[in-house]
Amino acid sequence: MLRIDKYLTDCGIGTRSEVKKYIKAKQITVNGEIVAKPEQKIDENVDEVCFKGQPITYEKYVYYLFHKPAGCVTAKQDNVHKTVMEYFPDDIRAKDIAPVGRLDLDTEGLLLFTNDGPLTHHLLSPTHHIPKTYYAILDKEVPETAVELFKSGVDIGDDKLTLPAELIILPMSVNDAGDKMYSAELTIHEGRFHQVKRMFEAVGCTVTYLKRISMGTLTLGELQKGEYRKLTEEEVNTLQK
């Protein structure tokens, strides 16, 4: 059983204060009866709840894919920098979503947001080795020997070597200013502190730009920086498997 105000907030109808206004305006019904109090209890699996005459579908868990820009922090609050939460409207934040893992301040790319605690725990558990792929621009050419080194594990100063990782060295390109650009894609199966940057440092390269382009079966696709979208039912089912 749920309070009607929490149910409506979870469904994205509005914040608690907005929901109370809707109730006061007699815009909420349960099984055809006008709701009088925000603390009224309902059975979300049985009762029919309507807002302005339209039935509402309850979602216990929600899942969003977000393209994090550089310059914002993966946190709910910060006194200095903009946070990733500020890109979501109040009705979505009211669902108690949180990022699955984190990206550094200067790192861009894919972040998953959900209020599904069990799935978050599964995806972050070091025993499940969820693959995460990053696109990196380096200050110099990555040595070919790094491919086999990353595959066997790298010493980045921790107690253990990194888990085997897949490195793809991309062809050298030239930017608009005529400067040479060296880049690579790296897929890792763990999430140590600054791991990607430290792995490249271990082979003499400094990361000047970093972007996560995939996590498990999820990819950024056409999602632009600062944009988010709901996961499809198929994507959610695949993650849960």
Protein backbone atom coordinates (compact mmCIF):
# COMPACT_ATOMS: atom_id res chain seq x y z
CA MET A 1 0.00 0.00 0.00
CA LEU A 2 1.21 3.52 -0.85
CA ARG A 3 0.16 7.01 0.12
CA ILE A 4 -1.56 8.65 -2.82
CA ASP A 5 0.80 11.65 -2.78
CA LYS A 6 3.89 9.39 -2.96
CA TYR A 7 2.26 7.32 -5.70
CA LEU A 8 1.55 10.41 -7.81
CA THR A 9 5.06 11.76 -7.24
CA ASP A 10 6.59 8.43 -8.25
CA CYS A 11 4.48 8.52 -11.40
CA GLY A 12 5.95 11.91 -12.33
CA ILE A 13 2.72 13.87 -11.87
CA GLY A 14 4.55 16.50 -9.84
CA THR A 15 6.33 17.28 -6.59
CA ARG A 16 4.65 16.56 -3.25
CA SER A 17 3.51 20.18 -2.96
CA GLU A 18 2.15 20.18 -6.52
CA VAL A 19 0.31 16.92 -5.89
CA LYS A 20 -1.34 18.39 -2.78
CA LYS A 21 -2.63 21.25 -4.93
CA TYR A 22 -4.09 18.78 -7.44
CA ILE A 23 -5.82 16.92 -4.60
CA LYS A 24 -7.19 20.16 -3.17
CA ALA A 25 -8.50 21.06 -6.65
CA LYS A 26 -10.27 17.64 -6.78
CA GLN A 27 -8.29 16.57 -9.86
CA ILE A 28 -7.31 13.15 -8.48
CA THR A 29 -9.65 10.15 -8.29
CA VAL A 30 -9.22 6.57 -7.09
CA ASN A 31 -11.66 4.07 -8.54
CA GLY A 32 -13.86 6.98 -9.56
CA GLU A 33 -13.92 8.60 -6.11
CA ILE A 34 -12.38 12.04 -5.56
CA VAL A 35 -9.34 11.93 -3.27
CA ALA A 36 -9.70 14.23 -0.25
CA LYS A 37 -6.40 13.71 1.59
CA PRO A 38 -2.79 13.24 0.43
CA GLU A 39 -2.22 10.53 3.05
CA GLN A 40 -4.94 8.28 1.62
CA LYS A 41 -3.58 4.77 1.02
CA ILE A 42 -4.00 2.90 -2.26
CA ASP A 43 -3.05 -0.47 -3.68
CA GLU A 44 -0.93 0.45 -6.70
CA ASN A 45 -1.50 -2.99 -8.22
CA VAL A 46 -5.30 -2.90 -8.04
CA ASP A 47 -6.71 0.62 -7.71
CA GLU A 48 -7.33 2.80 -10.76
CA VAL A 49 -5.89 6.27 -10.20
CA CYS A 50 -6.76 9.13 -12.55
CA PHE A 51 -5.40 12.64 -12.92
CA LYS A 52 -7.80 15.05 -14.62
CA GLY A 53 -9.78 12.03 -15.80
CA GLN A 54 -6.76 10.25 -17.35
CA PRO A 55 -5.57 6.91 -15.93
CA ILE A 56 -2.05 6.87 -14.48
CA THR A 57 0.39 4.01 -14.93
CA TYR A 58 2.60 3.31 -11.94
CA GLU A 59 6.33 2.71 -12.43
CA LYS A 60 8.16 1.44 -9.39
CA TYR A 61 11.53 1.71 -11.11
CA VAL A 62 12.66 4.13 -13.82
CA TYR A 63 15.78 4.06 -16.00
CA TYR A 64 17.39 6.95 -17.86
CA LEU A 65 20.44 7.19 -20.10
CA PHE A 66 22.27 10.52 -19.76
CA HIS A 67 25.08 12.06 -21.82
CA LYS A 68 27.19 13.79 -19.19
CA PRO A 69 29.03 16.92 -20.35
CA ALA A 70 32.46 17.82 -19.00
CA GLY A 71 32.44 20.39 -16.20
CA CYS A 72 29.66 18.90 -14.08
CA VAL A 73 30.12 16.54 -11.15
CA THR A 74 28.50 13.16 -10.56
CA ALA A 75 26.85 14.12 -7.30
CA LYS A 76 23.45 15.15 -5.97
CA GLN A 77 24.77 18.43 -4.55
CA ASP A 78 27.92 20.49 -4.93
CA ASN A 79 28.82 23.97 -3.73
CA VAL A 80 31.16 24.72 -6.64
CA HIS A 81 30.16 22.86 -9.80
CA LYS A 82 26.93 22.10 -11.58
CA THR A 83 25.77 18.55 -10.84
CA VAL A 84 24.42 15.90 -13.18
CA MET A 85 21.11 16.01 -11.28
CA GLU A 86 20.48 19.58 -12.43
CA TYR A 87 19.92 18.35 -15.98
CA PHE A 88 16.78 16.49 -14.89
CA PRO A 89 13.43 18.20 -14.16
CA ASP A 90 11.88 18.12 -10.69
CA ASP A 91 9.37 15.40 -11.51
CA ILE A 92 12.14 12.96 -12.51
CA ARG A 93 14.41 13.90 -9.60
CA ALA A 94 11.43 13.29 -7.31
CA LYS A 95 11.63 9.61 -8.23
CA ASP A 96 14.87 9.40 -6.20
CA ILE A 97 17.01 8.51 -9.19
CA ALA A 98 20.77 8.31 -8.75
CA PRO A 99 23.71 7.69 -11.10
CA VAL A 100 25.07 4.17 -11.43
CA GLY A 101 28.74 4.82 -10.77
CA ARG A 102 30.41 8.10 -11.61
CA LEU A 103 32.45 9.98 -14.18
CA ASP A 104 35.15 12.52 -13.35
CA LEU A 105 34.52 16.26 -13.62
CA ASP A 106 36.34 16.52 -16.97
CA THR A 107 35.03 13.22 -18.38
CA GLU A 108 32.06 13.12 -20.74
CA GLY A 109 29.73 10.37 -21.80
CA LEU A 110 27.30 7.70 -20.77
CA LEU A 111 25.77 7.61 -17.31
CA LEU A 112 22.85 5.42 -16.28
CA PHE A 113 20.34 6.79 -13.75
CA THR A 114 17.81 4.69 -11.88
CA ASN A 115 16.03 4.19 -8.56
CA ASP A 116 16.41 0.41 -8.91
CA GLY A 117 18.72 -0.40 -6.01
CA PRO A 118 19.20 -4.11 -6.74
CA LEU A 119 20.16 -3.42 -10.37
CA THR A 120 22.54 -0.65 -9.31
CA HIS A 121 24.24 -3.03 -6.88
CA HIS A 122 24.52 -5.69 -9.60
CA LEU A 123 26.01 -3.32 -12.17
CA LEU A 124 28.55 -1.88 -9.72
CA SER A 125 29.54 -5.18 -8.12
CA PRO A 126 33.20 -5.97 -8.94
CA THR A 127 32.25 -9.66 -9.28
CA HIS A 128 30.12 -9.04 -12.39
CA HIS A 129 32.74 -7.24 -14.52
CA ILE A 130 30.35 -5.09 -16.57
CA PRO A 131 32.30 -3.84 -19.65
CA LYS A 132 32.70 -0.08 -20.05
CA THR A 133 34.22 1.41 -23.19
CA TYR A 134 35.95 4.80 -23.34
CA TYR A 135 37.17 6.95 -26.20
CA ALA A 136 40.38 8.78 -25.29
CA ILE A 137 42.51 11.43 -26.97
CA LEU A 138 46.16 11.25 -25.91
CA ASP A 139 49.07 13.66 -25.98
CA LYS A 140 51.20 11.22 -27.98
CA GLU A 141 50.97 8.01 -29.95
CA VAL A 142 50.09 4.93 -27.90
CA PRO A 143 52.79 2.25 -28.27
CA GLU A 144 51.63 -0.93 -30.01
CA THR A 145 52.99 -2.93 -27.09
CA ALA A 146 50.21 -1.47 -24.94
CA VAL A 147 47.63 -3.69 -26.65
CA GLU A 148 49.12 -6.89 -25.22
CA LEU A 149 50.07 -5.21 -21.95
CA PHE A 150 46.50 -4.06 -21.31
CA LYS A 151 45.26 -7.53 -22.25
CA SER A 152 47.41 -9.12 -19.55
CA GLY A 153 46.86 -6.47 -16.85
CA VAL A 154 48.65 -3.24 -15.98
CA ASP A 155 50.43 -2.07 -12.84
CA ILE A 156 48.82 1.29 -11.99
CA GLY A 157 50.15 1.45 -8.45
CA ASP A 158 47.46 -0.62 -6.73
CA ASP A 159 47.87 -3.90 -4.86
CA LYS A 160 46.75 -5.85 -7.93
CA LEU A 161 47.18 -5.50 -11.67
CA THR A 162 44.14 -4.28 -13.59
CA LEU A 163 41.84 -6.90 -15.04
CA PRO A 164 42.43 -7.74 -18.71
CA ALA A 165 41.28 -4.85 -20.92
CA GLU A 166 40.80 -4.44 -24.66
CA LEU A 167 42.70 -1.59 -26.29
CA ILE A 168 42.08 -0.45 -29.87
CA ILE A 169 44.58 2.14 -31.13
CA LEU A 170 42.81 4.34 -33.66
CA PRO A 171 44.51 5.83 -36.75
CA MET A 172 46.24 9.16 -36.25
CA SER A 173 44.14 12.13 -37.46
CA VAL A 174 44.58 15.90 -37.83
CA ASN A 175 42.36 18.47 -36.12
CA ASP A 176 41.14 21.78 -37.55
CA ALA A 177 44.28 23.53 -36.34
CA GLY A 178 46.47 21.09 -38.25
CA ASP A 179 47.71 19.32 -35.12
CA LYS A 180 48.14 15.56 -35.00
CA MET A 181 45.59 13.72 -32.86
CA TYR A 182 46.27 10.39 -31.23
CA SER A 183 43.27 8.44 -29.95
CA ALA A 184 42.19 5.01 -28.74
CA GLU A 185 39.25 3.05 -27.40
CA LEU A 186 39.65 1.14 -24.17
CA THR A 187 37.21 -1.39 -22.69
CA ILE A 188 37.65 -2.15 -18.99
CA HIS A 189 35.73 -4.48 -16.68
CA GLU A 190 36.18 -2.72 -13.35
CA GLY A 191 36.02 0.83 -12.04
CA ARG A 192 39.08 1.87 -10.07
CA PHE A 193 39.88 5.49 -9.26
CA HIS A 194 40.93 7.33 -12.47
CA GLN A 195 41.60 3.90 -13.94
CA VAL A 196 41.62 4.77 -17.65
CA LYS A 197 43.91 7.76 -17.16
CA ARG A 198 46.26 5.74 -14.95
CA MET A 199 46.43 2.88 -17.44
CA PHE A 200 47.50 5.20 -20.24
CA GLU A 201 49.97 6.93 -17.91
CA ALA A 202 51.52 3.50 -17.31
CA VAL A 203 52.53 3.43 -21.00
CA GLY A 204 53.75 7.04 -21.08
CA CYS A 205 50.61 8.76 -22.43
CA THR A 206 48.47 11.52 -20.92
CA VAL A 207 44.73 11.59 -21.53
CA THR A 208 43.63 15.03 -22.76
CA TYR A 209 39.99 14.09 -23.46
CA LEU A 210 37.91 11.19 -22.19
CA LYS A 211 34.41 10.02 -23.06
CA ARG A 212 32.54 6.89 -21.99
CA ILE A 213 30.73 5.59 -25.06
CA SER A 214 29.17 2.38 -23.75
CA MET A 215 28.33 0.44 -20.59
CA GLY A 216 27.27 -3.18 -20.92
CA THR A 217 24.79 -3.26 -23.80
CA LEU A 218 23.99 0.47 -23.56
CA THR A 219 25.51 2.98 -26.00
CA LEU A 220 25.20 6.75 -26.30
CA GLY A 221 23.91 6.63 -29.87
CA GLU A 222 22.72 10.05 -31.04
CA LEU A 223 22.22 11.43 -27.52
CA GLN A 224 23.79 14.90 -27.31
CA LYS A 225 25.68 16.32 -24.32
CA GLY A 226 23.30 17.26 -21.53
CA GLU A 227 20.45 15.19 -22.99
CA TYR A 228 18.75 12.16 -21.44
CA ARG A 229 16.23 9.55 -22.53
CA LYS A 230 14.28 6.72 -20.98
CA LEU A 231 15.58 3.23 -21.58
CA THR A 232 13.42 1.07 -23.78
CA GLU A 233 11.73 -1.99 -22.30
CA GLU A 234 14.13 -4.19 -24.26
CA GLU A 235 17.16 -2.33 -22.86
CA VAL A 236 15.87 -2.70 -19.31
CA ASN A 237 15.19 -6.42 -19.78
CA THR A 238 18.69 -6.94 -21.18
CA LEU A 239 20.28 -5.12 -18.23
CA GLN A 240 18.28 -7.16 -15.72
CA LYS A 241 19.40 -10.41 -17.33
